[in-house]
Amino acid sequence: MTCNLLLVDDHALIRAGVRALVLDIPGYAVIGEANDGAQVLEKFDALQPDIVLLDLSMKHTSGLDALQQLKRAYPKSKVLILSMHTDPELIMCALEAGAHGYLLKDTTANELEHALLALRNNERYLSPAIAHTVINQALIRNHAQASTPAHRHNLTARQLEILRLIVRGKSTREIANGLGLSIKTVEAHRSQIMKRLQIFDVAGLVLFAVREQIISLDD
């Protein structure tokens, strides 16, 4: 079954380039485009895409505003940010607003395919190039919130190992291959981790992992 995409960017050349990359990935199709954040909700209403590829910097309505509007109207919508920005605060804001993934515009076709597959499988995706940035920002926030009581958790050693890989942006398949586990086993661990922690987004998992010293910049 084809996974339908809505592409939102105010630069026609960028949209054409991303569309060309998508054409080379089997099982995906760009069914609509928008050149401003203000059009996102209208286009989503009309097309009901499976995934929205969204730029953050647009002339009128910003991508972040469009993301927040979309998530209010369609909480289960899947959004992959495709941006040139590496500002840590902006990345965290996008993740906290409900983005399922964040990819830099200089990404390769292979990485785009990995990101789309992750979202298609109801997973999150962080570009490896910004995973360090996100962790660093989480550390800064952690220091600012040092008085916040730490969460208690009962994660197993294997679950902690998988959590470290999740917050680094690894997909389920990559984790399974790296640890010599089946994909179903990793999916089960991922589900148990989120249920035990009651955290269901990448930004929250990163903040938790840093606060609990499960991961650090030197990890």
N, C-alpha and C. Protein backbone atom coordinates (compact mmCIF):
# COMPACT_ATOMS: atom_id res chain seq x y z
N MET A 1 0.84 -1.19 0.00
CA MET A 1 0.00 0.00 0.00
C MET A 1 0.88 1.25 0.00
N THR A 2 0.55 2.19 -0.86
CA THR A 2 1.34 3.41 -0.98
C THR A 2 1.12 4.33 0.22
N CYS A 3 2.20 4.91 0.72
CA CYS A 3 2.15 5.88 1.80
C CYS A 3 2.13 7.27 1.17
N ASN A 4 1.06 8.02 1.41
CA ASN A 4 0.87 9.32 0.76
C ASN A 4 1.44 10.46 1.59
N LEU A 5 2.14 11.37 0.91
CA LEU A 5 2.83 12.46 1.58
C LEU A 5 2.30 13.82 1.14
N LEU A 6 2.26 14.75 2.08
CA LEU A 6 1.98 16.16 1.78
C LEU A 6 3.28 16.92 2.03
N LEU A 7 3.74 17.65 1.03
CA LEU A 7 5.02 18.35 1.09
C LEU A 7 4.77 19.85 1.27
N VAL A 8 5.32 20.42 2.35
CA VAL A 8 5.07 21.83 2.66
C VAL A 8 6.40 22.58 2.78
N ASP A 9 6.66 23.46 1.81
CA ASP A 9 7.87 24.28 1.80
C ASP A 9 7.63 25.47 0.90
N ASP A 10 8.13 26.64 1.28
CA ASP A 10 7.85 27.82 0.47
C ASP A 10 8.80 28.00 -0.70
N HIS A 11 9.74 27.09 -0.88
CA HIS A 11 10.66 27.15 -2.02
C HIS A 11 10.33 26.04 -3.02
N ALA A 12 9.97 26.44 -4.22
CA ALA A 12 9.58 25.48 -5.26
C ALA A 12 10.71 24.51 -5.58
N LEU A 13 11.95 24.99 -5.59
CA LEU A 13 13.08 24.13 -5.91
C LEU A 13 13.28 23.05 -4.85
N ILE A 14 13.07 23.42 -3.59
CA ILE A 14 13.18 22.43 -2.51
C ILE A 14 12.10 21.38 -2.65
N ARG A 15 10.88 21.82 -2.93
CA ARG A 15 9.78 20.86 -3.10
C ARG A 15 10.07 19.91 -4.26
N ALA A 16 10.59 20.46 -5.35
CA ALA A 16 10.91 19.63 -6.51
C ALA A 16 12.00 18.61 -6.17
N GLY A 17 12.99 19.05 -5.40
CA GLY A 17 14.08 18.15 -5.02
C GLY A 17 13.61 17.03 -4.12
N VAL A 18 12.77 17.37 -3.14
CA VAL A 18 12.25 16.34 -2.23
C VAL A 18 11.33 15.39 -2.97
N ARG A 19 10.51 15.95 -3.85
CA ARG A 19 9.61 15.10 -4.65
C ARG A 19 10.42 14.09 -5.47
N ALA A 20 11.53 14.55 -6.04
CA ALA A 20 12.38 13.67 -6.84
C ALA A 20 12.97 12.55 -5.97
N LEU A 21 13.38 12.89 -4.76
CA LEU A 21 13.90 11.87 -3.84
C LEU A 21 12.83 10.84 -3.51
N VAL A 22 11.62 11.33 -3.25
CA VAL A 22 10.52 10.43 -2.89
C VAL A 22 10.18 9.49 -4.04
N LEU A 23 10.26 10.00 -5.27
CA LEU A 23 9.95 9.17 -6.44
C LEU A 23 10.86 7.95 -6.53
N ASP A 24 12.06 8.06 -5.97
CA ASP A 24 13.02 6.96 -6.02
C ASP A 24 12.85 5.97 -4.86
N ILE A 25 11.90 6.26 -3.97
CA ILE A 25 11.67 5.37 -2.82
C ILE A 25 10.38 4.59 -3.06
N PRO A 26 10.45 3.29 -3.24
CA PRO A 26 9.25 2.49 -3.50
C PRO A 26 8.24 2.59 -2.35
N GLY A 27 6.96 2.69 -2.72
CA GLY A 27 5.91 2.68 -1.71
C GLY A 27 5.49 4.03 -1.18
N TYR A 28 6.04 5.11 -1.76
CA TYR A 28 5.69 6.46 -1.30
C TYR A 28 5.31 7.34 -2.48
N ALA A 29 4.42 8.29 -2.23
CA ALA A 29 3.99 9.21 -3.29
C ALA A 29 3.64 10.57 -2.68
N VAL A 30 4.09 11.65 -3.33
CA VAL A 30 3.70 13.00 -2.93
C VAL A 30 2.36 13.30 -3.59
N ILE A 31 1.30 13.42 -2.80
CA ILE A 31 -0.04 13.63 -3.37
C ILE A 31 -0.47 15.09 -3.31
N GLY A 32 0.34 15.92 -2.66
CA GLY A 32 -0.03 17.33 -2.58
C GLY A 32 1.13 18.17 -2.08
N GLU A 33 1.07 19.46 -2.40
CA GLU A 33 2.10 20.40 -1.97
C GLU A 33 1.45 21.67 -1.46
N ALA A 34 2.16 22.36 -0.57
CA ALA A 34 1.73 23.66 -0.08
C ALA A 34 2.97 24.53 0.04
N ASN A 35 2.81 25.83 -0.22
CA ASN A 35 3.97 26.72 -0.14
C ASN A 35 3.93 27.66 1.05
N ASP A 36 2.98 27.41 1.97
CA ASP A 36 2.89 28.24 3.17
C ASP A 36 2.20 27.46 4.28
N GLY A 37 2.60 27.75 5.51
CA GLY A 37 2.02 27.04 6.64
C GLY A 37 0.52 27.22 6.77
N ALA A 38 0.02 28.35 6.27
CA ALA A 38 -1.42 28.63 6.36
C ALA A 38 -2.25 27.65 5.55
N GLN A 39 -1.62 26.97 4.58
CA GLN A 39 -2.35 26.05 3.71
C GLN A 39 -2.38 24.62 4.25
N VAL A 40 -1.61 24.36 5.30
CA VAL A 40 -1.44 22.98 5.76
C VAL A 40 -2.76 22.34 6.17
N LEU A 41 -3.53 23.02 7.00
CA LEU A 41 -4.77 22.44 7.50
C LEU A 41 -5.76 22.19 6.37
N GLU A 42 -5.87 23.15 5.46
CA GLU A 42 -6.78 22.99 4.32
C GLU A 42 -6.37 21.81 3.45
N LYS A 43 -5.07 21.71 3.16
CA LYS A 43 -4.57 20.61 2.33
C LYS A 43 -4.75 19.27 3.04
N PHE A 44 -4.52 19.25 4.35
CA PHE A 44 -4.68 18.00 5.09
C PHE A 44 -6.13 17.57 5.09
N ASP A 45 -7.04 18.52 5.28
CA ASP A 45 -8.48 18.22 5.24
C ASP A 45 -8.86 17.56 3.92
N ALA A 46 -8.34 18.12 2.82
CA ALA A 46 -8.73 17.67 1.49
C ALA A 46 -8.08 16.35 1.09
N LEU A 47 -6.81 16.16 1.49
CA LEU A 47 -6.03 15.03 0.98
C LEU A 47 -5.86 13.88 1.97
N GLN A 48 -5.93 14.17 3.26
CA GLN A 48 -5.73 13.16 4.31
C GLN A 48 -4.45 12.35 4.08
N PRO A 49 -3.31 13.01 3.99
CA PRO A 49 -2.05 12.29 3.76
C PRO A 49 -1.64 11.46 4.97
N ASP A 50 -0.79 10.47 4.74
CA ASP A 50 -0.30 9.64 5.83
C ASP A 50 0.79 10.37 6.63
N ILE A 51 1.62 11.14 5.91
CA ILE A 51 2.73 11.87 6.54
C ILE A 51 2.83 13.26 5.92
N VAL A 52 3.10 14.25 6.76
CA VAL A 52 3.34 15.62 6.29
C VAL A 52 4.83 15.92 6.43
N LEU A 53 5.47 16.31 5.32
CA LEU A 53 6.85 16.78 5.35
C LEU A 53 6.79 18.30 5.45
N LEU A 54 7.28 18.86 6.55
CA LEU A 54 7.03 20.26 6.86
C LEU A 54 8.31 21.05 7.12
N ASP A 55 8.46 22.15 6.38
CA ASP A 55 9.56 23.08 6.64
C ASP A 55 9.17 23.98 7.82
N LEU A 56 10.15 24.48 8.56
CA LEU A 56 9.84 25.34 9.70
C LEU A 56 9.84 26.82 9.34
N SER A 57 10.69 27.22 8.39
CA SER A 57 10.83 28.64 8.06
C SER A 57 10.07 28.97 6.78
N MET A 58 8.92 29.61 6.92
CA MET A 58 8.14 30.05 5.77
C MET A 58 7.69 31.49 5.98
N LYS A 59 7.40 32.18 4.90
CA LYS A 59 7.23 33.63 4.93
C LYS A 59 6.07 34.11 5.79
N HIS A 60 4.94 33.46 5.71
CA HIS A 60 3.74 33.96 6.39
C HIS A 60 3.49 33.19 7.68
N THR A 61 2.82 32.05 7.58
CA THR A 61 2.62 31.21 8.77
C THR A 61 3.80 30.26 8.91
N SER A 62 4.47 30.29 10.04
CA SER A 62 5.65 29.44 10.22
C SER A 62 5.27 27.97 10.30
N GLY A 63 6.26 27.12 10.06
CA GLY A 63 6.03 25.70 10.15
C GLY A 63 5.64 25.27 11.56
N LEU A 64 6.23 25.93 12.57
CA LEU A 64 5.91 25.58 13.95
C LEU A 64 4.45 25.91 14.27
N ASP A 65 3.99 27.08 13.81
CA ASP A 65 2.58 27.44 14.01
C ASP A 65 1.66 26.46 13.28
N ALA A 66 2.05 26.12 12.05
CA ALA A 66 1.25 25.18 11.26
C ALA A 66 1.19 23.81 11.94
N LEU A 67 2.32 23.38 12.51
CA LEU A 67 2.38 22.10 13.22
C LEU A 67 1.43 22.10 14.41
N GLN A 68 1.46 23.16 15.18
CA GLN A 68 0.59 23.25 16.35
C GLN A 68 -0.89 23.25 15.96
N GLN A 69 -1.23 23.97 14.88
CA GLN A 69 -2.61 24.00 14.41
C GLN A 69 -3.06 22.62 13.93
N LEU A 70 -2.17 21.95 13.19
CA LEU A 70 -2.49 20.63 12.66
C LEU A 70 -2.70 19.62 13.78
N LYS A 71 -1.83 19.65 14.79
CA LYS A 71 -1.93 18.68 15.88
C LYS A 71 -3.17 18.92 16.74
N ARG A 72 -3.61 20.18 16.82
CA ARG A 72 -4.86 20.45 17.54
C ARG A 72 -6.05 19.87 16.79
N ALA A 73 -6.04 20.01 15.47
CA ALA A 73 -7.16 19.51 14.65
C ALA A 73 -7.07 18.01 14.42
N TYR A 74 -5.85 17.51 14.23
CA TYR A 74 -5.62 16.09 13.95
C TYR A 74 -4.50 15.58 14.86
N PRO A 75 -4.82 15.23 16.09
CA PRO A 75 -3.79 14.82 17.06
C PRO A 75 -2.96 13.62 16.60
N LYS A 76 -3.54 12.77 15.77
CA LYS A 76 -2.82 11.56 15.34
C LYS A 76 -2.05 11.75 14.04
N SER A 77 -2.06 12.96 13.51
CA SER A 77 -1.33 13.21 12.26
C SER A 77 0.17 13.03 12.48
N LYS A 78 0.85 12.54 11.44
CA LYS A 78 2.29 12.30 11.51
C LYS A 78 3.03 13.39 10.74
N VAL A 79 3.95 14.05 11.41
CA VAL A 79 4.68 15.16 10.79
C VAL A 79 6.18 14.93 10.90
N LEU A 80 6.85 15.00 9.76
CA LEU A 80 8.31 14.93 9.71
C LEU A 80 8.84 16.30 9.34
N ILE A 81 9.57 16.93 10.26
CA ILE A 81 10.15 18.24 9.97
C ILE A 81 11.34 18.05 9.03
N LEU A 82 11.38 18.86 7.98
CA LEU A 82 12.49 18.85 7.03
C LEU A 82 13.01 20.28 6.98
N SER A 83 14.11 20.52 7.68
CA SER A 83 14.56 21.90 7.90
C SER A 83 16.07 22.02 7.80
N MET A 84 16.52 23.24 7.55
CA MET A 84 17.96 23.52 7.55
C MET A 84 18.43 23.93 8.95
N HIS A 85 17.49 24.17 9.86
CA HIS A 85 17.83 24.70 11.18
C HIS A 85 18.35 23.63 12.13
N THR A 86 19.44 23.96 12.81
CA THR A 86 20.01 23.07 13.82
C THR A 86 19.96 23.71 15.20
N ASP A 87 19.21 24.80 15.33
CA ASP A 87 19.07 25.46 16.62
C ASP A 87 18.40 24.51 17.61
N PRO A 88 19.07 24.20 18.72
CA PRO A 88 18.53 23.18 19.64
C PRO A 88 17.17 23.53 20.23
N GLU A 89 16.96 24.80 20.56
CA GLU A 89 15.67 25.19 21.15
C GLU A 89 14.54 25.01 20.15
N LEU A 90 14.80 25.34 18.89
CA LEU A 90 13.78 25.19 17.85
C LEU A 90 13.46 23.71 17.63
N ILE A 91 14.48 22.88 17.62
CA ILE A 91 14.27 21.44 17.44
C ILE A 91 13.41 20.88 18.57
N MET A 92 13.74 21.25 19.80
CA MET A 92 12.97 20.77 20.95
C MET A 92 11.53 21.27 20.89
N CYS A 93 11.34 22.53 20.46
CA CYS A 93 9.99 23.07 20.35
C CYS A 93 9.17 22.27 19.35
N ALA A 94 9.79 21.91 18.23
CA ALA A 94 9.09 21.14 17.20
C ALA A 94 8.71 19.76 17.72
N LEU A 95 9.63 19.11 18.42
CA LEU A 95 9.34 17.78 18.97
C LEU A 95 8.25 17.85 20.03
N GLU A 96 8.32 18.87 20.87
CA GLU A 96 7.33 19.01 21.94
C GLU A 96 5.96 19.40 21.38
N ALA A 97 5.96 20.05 20.20
CA ALA A 97 4.69 20.43 19.57
C ALA A 97 4.02 19.24 18.88
N GLY A 98 4.74 18.12 18.78
CA GLY A 98 4.12 16.92 18.22
C GLY A 98 4.75 16.35 16.98
N ALA A 99 5.87 16.92 16.51
CA ALA A 99 6.54 16.35 15.35
C ALA A 99 7.04 14.94 15.68
N HIS A 100 6.88 14.03 14.73
CA HIS A 100 7.32 12.65 14.94
C HIS A 100 8.78 12.45 14.55
N GLY A 101 9.34 13.42 13.83
CA GLY A 101 10.72 13.30 13.42
C GLY A 101 11.28 14.63 12.96
N TYR A 102 12.60 14.69 12.88
CA TYR A 102 13.28 15.93 12.47
C TYR A 102 14.45 15.53 11.59
N LEU A 103 14.46 16.06 10.37
CA LEU A 103 15.46 15.71 9.38
C LEU A 103 16.03 17.00 8.79
N LEU A 104 17.33 17.02 8.57
CA LEU A 104 17.96 18.20 7.96
C LEU A 104 17.81 18.15 6.44
N LYS A 105 17.76 19.33 5.82
CA LYS A 105 17.51 19.40 4.38
C LYS A 105 18.65 18.85 3.54
N ASP A 106 19.84 18.72 4.12
CA ASP A 106 20.95 18.14 3.35
C ASP A 106 20.99 16.62 3.49
N THR A 107 19.87 16.05 3.90
CA THR A 107 19.79 14.61 4.09
C THR A 107 19.99 13.84 2.79
N THR A 108 20.39 12.60 2.92
CA THR A 108 20.51 11.72 1.76
C THR A 108 19.18 11.02 1.50
N ALA A 109 19.05 10.46 0.31
CA ALA A 109 17.84 9.71 -0.02
C ALA A 109 17.67 8.53 0.93
N ASN A 110 18.79 7.91 1.30
CA ASN A 110 18.74 6.76 2.20
C ASN A 110 18.21 7.14 3.58
N GLU A 111 18.66 8.29 4.08
CA GLU A 111 18.18 8.72 5.40
C GLU A 111 16.71 9.13 5.35
N LEU A 112 16.31 9.78 4.25
CA LEU A 112 14.90 10.13 4.09
C LEU A 112 14.04 8.87 4.10
N GLU A 113 14.50 7.84 3.43
CA GLU A 113 13.75 6.58 3.41
C GLU A 113 13.64 5.99 4.81
N HIS A 114 14.74 6.02 5.57
CA HIS A 114 14.72 5.51 6.95
C HIS A 114 13.72 6.29 7.80
N ALA A 115 13.71 7.61 7.63
CA ALA A 115 12.82 8.46 8.42
C ALA A 115 11.36 8.18 8.08
N LEU A 116 11.06 8.08 6.80
CA LEU A 116 9.68 7.82 6.37
C LEU A 116 9.22 6.44 6.85
N LEU A 117 10.11 5.47 6.79
CA LEU A 117 9.75 4.12 7.25
C LEU A 117 9.47 4.12 8.75
N ALA A 118 10.27 4.87 9.49
CA ALA A 118 10.06 4.95 10.94
C ALA A 118 8.67 5.52 11.24
N LEU A 119 8.31 6.63 10.59
CA LEU A 119 7.00 7.23 10.84
C LEU A 119 5.89 6.32 10.37
N ARG A 120 6.12 5.64 9.25
CA ARG A 120 5.11 4.72 8.73
C ARG A 120 4.83 3.60 9.72
N ASN A 121 5.87 3.22 10.47
CA ASN A 121 5.75 2.15 11.47
C ASN A 121 5.41 2.69 12.86
N ASN A 122 4.90 3.94 12.88
CA ASN A 122 4.50 4.58 14.15
C ASN A 122 5.67 4.75 15.11
N GLU A 123 6.85 5.00 14.55
CA GLU A 123 8.03 5.26 15.35
C GLU A 123 8.43 6.73 15.20
N ARG A 124 9.43 7.13 15.96
CA ARG A 124 9.99 8.48 15.87
C ARG A 124 11.33 8.42 15.15
N TYR A 125 11.73 9.55 14.60
CA TYR A 125 13.03 9.57 13.93
C TYR A 125 13.73 10.91 14.15
N LEU A 126 14.97 10.84 14.59
CA LEU A 126 15.82 12.02 14.71
C LEU A 126 17.04 11.82 13.82
N SER A 127 17.35 12.81 13.00
CA SER A 127 18.55 12.73 12.19
C SER A 127 19.75 12.55 13.11
N PRO A 128 20.62 11.58 12.84
CA PRO A 128 21.82 11.39 13.67
C PRO A 128 22.64 12.68 13.81
N ALA A 129 22.58 13.54 12.79
CA ALA A 129 23.35 14.78 12.81
C ALA A 129 22.88 15.74 13.90
N ILE A 130 21.63 15.59 14.37
CA ILE A 130 21.12 16.51 15.40
C ILE A 130 20.84 15.82 16.73
N ALA A 131 21.04 14.51 16.78
CA ALA A 131 20.76 13.79 18.03
C ALA A 131 21.60 14.37 19.18
N HIS A 132 22.87 14.66 18.90
CA HIS A 132 23.76 15.24 19.91
C HIS A 132 23.23 16.60 20.35
N THR A 133 22.73 17.38 19.40
CA THR A 133 22.18 18.71 19.70
C THR A 133 20.98 18.61 20.63
N VAL A 134 20.11 17.65 20.36
CA VAL A 134 18.91 17.47 21.18
C VAL A 134 19.29 17.05 22.60
N ILE A 135 20.25 16.15 22.71
CA ILE A 135 20.70 15.72 24.04
C ILE A 135 21.32 16.89 24.80
N ASN A 136 22.11 17.70 24.10
CA ASN A 136 22.73 18.87 24.72
C ASN A 136 21.67 19.83 25.26
N GLN A 137 20.63 20.07 24.45
CA GLN A 137 19.56 20.96 24.88
C GLN A 137 18.82 20.38 26.08
N ALA A 138 18.64 19.07 26.06
CA ALA A 138 17.99 18.42 27.19
C ALA A 138 18.81 18.57 28.47
N LEU A 139 20.14 18.51 28.33
CA LEU A 139 21.01 18.71 29.48
C LEU A 139 20.86 20.12 30.05
N ILE A 140 20.79 21.11 29.15
CA ILE A 140 20.62 22.49 29.59
C ILE A 140 19.31 22.64 30.36
N ARG A 141 18.25 22.06 29.81
CA ARG A 141 16.94 22.15 30.49
C ARG A 141 16.97 21.40 31.81
N ASN A 142 17.71 20.30 31.81
CA ASN A 142 17.79 19.52 33.04
C ASN A 142 18.45 20.33 34.16
N HIS A 143 19.52 21.06 33.82
CA HIS A 143 20.19 21.89 34.83
C HIS A 143 19.25 22.99 35.32
N ALA A 144 18.45 23.53 34.40
CA ALA A 144 17.53 24.60 34.77
C ALA A 144 16.39 24.10 35.65
N GLN A 145 16.13 22.78 35.56
CA GLN A 145 15.04 22.19 36.33
C GLN A 145 15.59 21.21 37.37
N ALA A 146 16.75 21.54 37.90
CA ALA A 146 17.45 20.61 38.80
C ALA A 146 16.64 20.27 40.04
N SER A 147 15.72 21.15 40.40
CA SER A 147 14.92 20.90 41.61
C SER A 147 13.76 19.95 41.37
N THR A 148 13.51 19.62 40.10
CA THR A 148 12.40 18.71 39.79
C THR A 148 12.73 17.30 40.27
N PRO A 149 11.85 16.65 41.01
CA PRO A 149 12.13 15.29 41.50
C PRO A 149 12.34 14.32 40.34
N ALA A 150 13.30 13.43 40.50
CA ALA A 150 13.59 12.45 39.45
C ALA A 150 12.48 11.41 39.39
N HIS A 151 12.25 10.90 38.17
CA HIS A 151 11.29 9.83 38.00
C HIS A 151 11.87 8.53 38.56
N ARG A 152 11.01 7.69 39.07
CA ARG A 152 11.42 6.35 39.45
C ARG A 152 11.07 5.43 38.30
N HIS A 153 11.93 4.47 38.06
CA HIS A 153 11.64 3.55 36.97
C HIS A 153 12.16 2.16 37.33
N ASN A 154 11.60 1.18 36.68
CA ASN A 154 12.02 -0.20 36.90
C ASN A 154 12.38 -0.84 35.57
N LEU A 155 13.15 -0.14 34.78
CA LEU A 155 13.55 -0.67 33.48
C LEU A 155 14.64 -1.71 33.66
N THR A 156 14.56 -2.75 32.83
CA THR A 156 15.59 -3.77 32.84
C THR A 156 16.85 -3.25 32.15
N ALA A 157 17.94 -3.98 32.29
CA ALA A 157 19.19 -3.59 31.64
C ALA A 157 19.01 -3.52 30.12
N ARG A 158 18.27 -4.47 29.57
CA ARG A 158 18.03 -4.48 28.12
C ARG A 158 17.18 -3.28 27.71
N GLN A 159 16.17 -2.96 28.50
CA GLN A 159 15.33 -1.80 28.17
C GLN A 159 16.11 -0.50 28.25
N LEU A 160 17.02 -0.39 29.21
CA LEU A 160 17.87 0.80 29.31
C LEU A 160 18.77 0.91 28.08
N GLU A 161 19.28 -0.23 27.64
CA GLU A 161 20.13 -0.26 26.44
C GLU A 161 19.34 0.21 25.22
N ILE A 162 18.11 -0.27 25.10
CA ILE A 162 17.27 0.12 23.97
C ILE A 162 16.86 1.58 24.08
N LEU A 163 16.58 2.04 25.29
CA LEU A 163 16.23 3.45 25.49
C LEU A 163 17.36 4.36 25.02
N ARG A 164 18.60 4.01 25.33
CA ARG A 164 19.75 4.82 24.89
C ARG A 164 19.78 4.93 23.37
N LEU A 165 19.47 3.85 22.70
CA LEU A 165 19.49 3.84 21.24
C LEU A 165 18.32 4.63 20.67
N ILE A 166 17.16 4.55 21.31
CA ILE A 166 15.99 5.30 20.85
C ILE A 166 16.26 6.79 20.89
N VAL A 167 16.82 7.28 22.00
CA VAL A 167 17.03 8.73 22.13
C VAL A 167 18.15 9.22 21.22
N ARG A 168 18.95 8.30 20.69
CA ARG A 168 19.95 8.69 19.69
C ARG A 168 19.38 8.68 18.28
N GLY A 169 18.08 8.37 18.17
CA GLY A 169 17.44 8.44 16.87
C GLY A 169 17.49 7.16 16.06
N LYS A 170 17.86 6.04 16.69
CA LYS A 170 17.92 4.77 15.97
C LYS A 170 16.51 4.22 15.74
N SER A 171 16.30 3.64 14.57
CA SER A 171 15.01 3.03 14.25
C SER A 171 14.93 1.64 14.88
N THR A 172 13.74 1.08 14.90
CA THR A 172 13.55 -0.26 15.45
C THR A 172 14.42 -1.28 14.71
N ARG A 173 14.46 -1.17 13.39
CA ARG A 173 15.26 -2.11 12.60
C ARG A 173 16.75 -1.98 12.93
N GLU A 174 17.23 -0.75 13.05
CA GLU A 174 18.64 -0.53 13.38
C GLU A 174 18.97 -1.08 14.76
N ILE A 175 18.07 -0.88 15.71
CA ILE A 175 18.29 -1.41 17.06
C ILE A 175 18.31 -2.93 17.03
N ALA A 176 17.36 -3.51 16.32
CA ALA A 176 17.28 -4.98 16.22
C ALA A 176 18.56 -5.55 15.61
N ASN A 177 19.01 -4.94 14.52
CA ASN A 177 20.23 -5.42 13.85
C ASN A 177 21.45 -5.26 14.74
N GLY A 178 21.53 -4.13 15.44
CA GLY A 178 22.68 -3.85 16.29
C GLY A 178 22.77 -4.76 17.50
N LEU A 179 21.63 -5.15 18.04
CA LEU A 179 21.61 -5.97 19.26
C LEU A 179 21.36 -7.45 18.98
N GLY A 180 21.14 -7.79 17.72
CA GLY A 180 20.89 -9.18 17.38
C GLY A 180 19.55 -9.68 17.87
N LEU A 181 18.55 -8.78 17.88
CA LEU A 181 17.20 -9.14 18.31
C LEU A 181 16.24 -9.11 17.14
N SER A 182 15.08 -9.69 17.30
CA SER A 182 14.05 -9.58 16.26
C SER A 182 13.39 -8.22 16.37
N ILE A 183 12.80 -7.77 15.27
CA ILE A 183 12.10 -6.49 15.27
C ILE A 183 10.94 -6.52 16.27
N LYS A 184 10.22 -7.65 16.32
CA LYS A 184 9.09 -7.76 17.25
C LYS A 184 9.54 -7.65 18.71
N THR A 185 10.71 -8.20 19.01
CA THR A 185 11.23 -8.11 20.38
C THR A 185 11.54 -6.66 20.74
N VAL A 186 12.17 -5.94 19.81
CA VAL A 186 12.49 -4.53 20.06
C VAL A 186 11.21 -3.72 20.20
N GLU A 187 10.22 -3.99 19.35
CA GLU A 187 8.94 -3.28 19.43
C GLU A 187 8.27 -3.51 20.79
N ALA A 188 8.37 -4.74 21.28
CA ALA A 188 7.78 -5.06 22.59
C ALA A 188 8.49 -4.29 23.70
N HIS A 189 9.82 -4.25 23.63
CA HIS A 189 10.59 -3.49 24.62
C HIS A 189 10.24 -2.01 24.56
N ARG A 190 10.15 -1.46 23.34
CA ARG A 190 9.82 -0.04 23.17
C ARG A 190 8.47 0.28 23.82
N SER A 191 7.49 -0.59 23.55
CA SER A 191 6.16 -0.38 24.11
C SER A 191 6.18 -0.43 25.64
N GLN A 192 6.92 -1.40 26.19
CA GLN A 192 7.00 -1.54 27.64
C GLN A 192 7.70 -0.34 28.28
N ILE A 193 8.75 0.16 27.62
CA ILE A 193 9.48 1.33 28.13
C ILE A 193 8.53 2.52 28.23
N MET A 194 7.80 2.79 27.16
CA MET A 194 6.91 3.95 27.14
C MET A 194 5.78 3.81 28.15
N LYS A 195 5.26 2.59 28.28
CA LYS A 195 4.17 2.38 29.24
C LYS A 195 4.66 2.55 30.67
N ARG A 196 5.84 2.02 30.97
CA ARG A 196 6.37 2.13 32.33
C ARG A 196 6.69 3.57 32.69
N LEU A 197 7.22 4.31 31.72
CA LEU A 197 7.60 5.70 31.98
C LEU A 197 6.45 6.67 31.77
N GLN A 198 5.41 6.21 31.06
CA GLN A 198 4.29 7.09 30.68
C GLN A 198 4.81 8.30 29.89
N ILE A 199 5.74 8.02 29.00
CA ILE A 199 6.32 9.03 28.11
C ILE A 199 6.19 8.49 26.70
N PHE A 200 5.58 9.28 25.80
CA PHE A 200 5.27 8.75 24.48
C PHE A 200 5.81 9.60 23.34
N ASP A 201 6.86 10.38 23.59
CA ASP A 201 7.48 11.15 22.52
C ASP A 201 8.98 11.21 22.74
N VAL A 202 9.71 11.46 21.65
CA VAL A 202 11.17 11.45 21.69
C VAL A 202 11.71 12.51 22.64
N ALA A 203 11.16 13.72 22.57
CA ALA A 203 11.65 14.80 23.43
C ALA A 203 11.54 14.42 24.90
N GLY A 204 10.41 13.82 25.27
CA GLY A 204 10.22 13.40 26.65
C GLY A 204 11.19 12.30 27.07
N LEU A 205 11.44 11.35 26.16
CA LEU A 205 12.38 10.28 26.47
C LEU A 205 13.79 10.82 26.64
N VAL A 206 14.17 11.79 25.79
CA VAL A 206 15.51 12.39 25.90
C VAL A 206 15.66 13.10 27.24
N LEU A 207 14.66 13.91 27.59
CA LEU A 207 14.71 14.62 28.87
C LEU A 207 14.81 13.65 30.05
N PHE A 208 14.02 12.58 29.98
CA PHE A 208 14.05 11.57 31.04
C PHE A 208 15.42 10.91 31.12
N ALA A 209 15.97 10.52 29.96
CA ALA A 209 17.25 9.81 29.93
C ALA A 209 18.38 10.68 30.48
N VAL A 210 18.34 11.97 30.18
CA VAL A 210 19.36 12.88 30.70
C VAL A 210 19.18 13.10 32.20
N ARG A 211 17.94 13.34 32.60
CA ARG A 211 17.66 13.60 34.02
C ARG A 211 18.08 12.42 34.90
N GLU A 212 17.84 11.21 34.39
CA GLU A 212 18.17 10.01 35.15
C GLU A 212 19.61 9.56 34.93
N GLN A 213 20.37 10.36 34.16
CA GLN A 213 21.77 10.06 33.84
C GLN A 213 21.92 8.71 33.14
N ILE A 214 20.90 8.37 32.34
CA ILE A 214 20.95 7.16 31.53
C ILE A 214 21.82 7.41 30.30
N ILE A 215 21.85 8.66 29.87
CA ILE A 215 22.66 9.04 28.73
C ILE A 215 23.26 10.41 29.01
N SER A 216 24.43 10.65 28.43
CA SER A 216 25.08 11.95 28.58
C SER A 216 25.73 12.33 27.27
N LEU A 217 26.28 13.52 27.19
CA LEU A 217 26.94 13.97 25.96
C LEU A 217 28.13 13.10 25.62
N ASP A 218 28.73 12.48 26.62
CA ASP A 218 29.93 11.67 26.37
C ASP A 218 29.61 10.21 26.12
N ASP A 219 28.34 9.85 26.14
CA ASP A 219 27.92 8.45 25.95
C ASP A 219 28.27 7.98 24.55
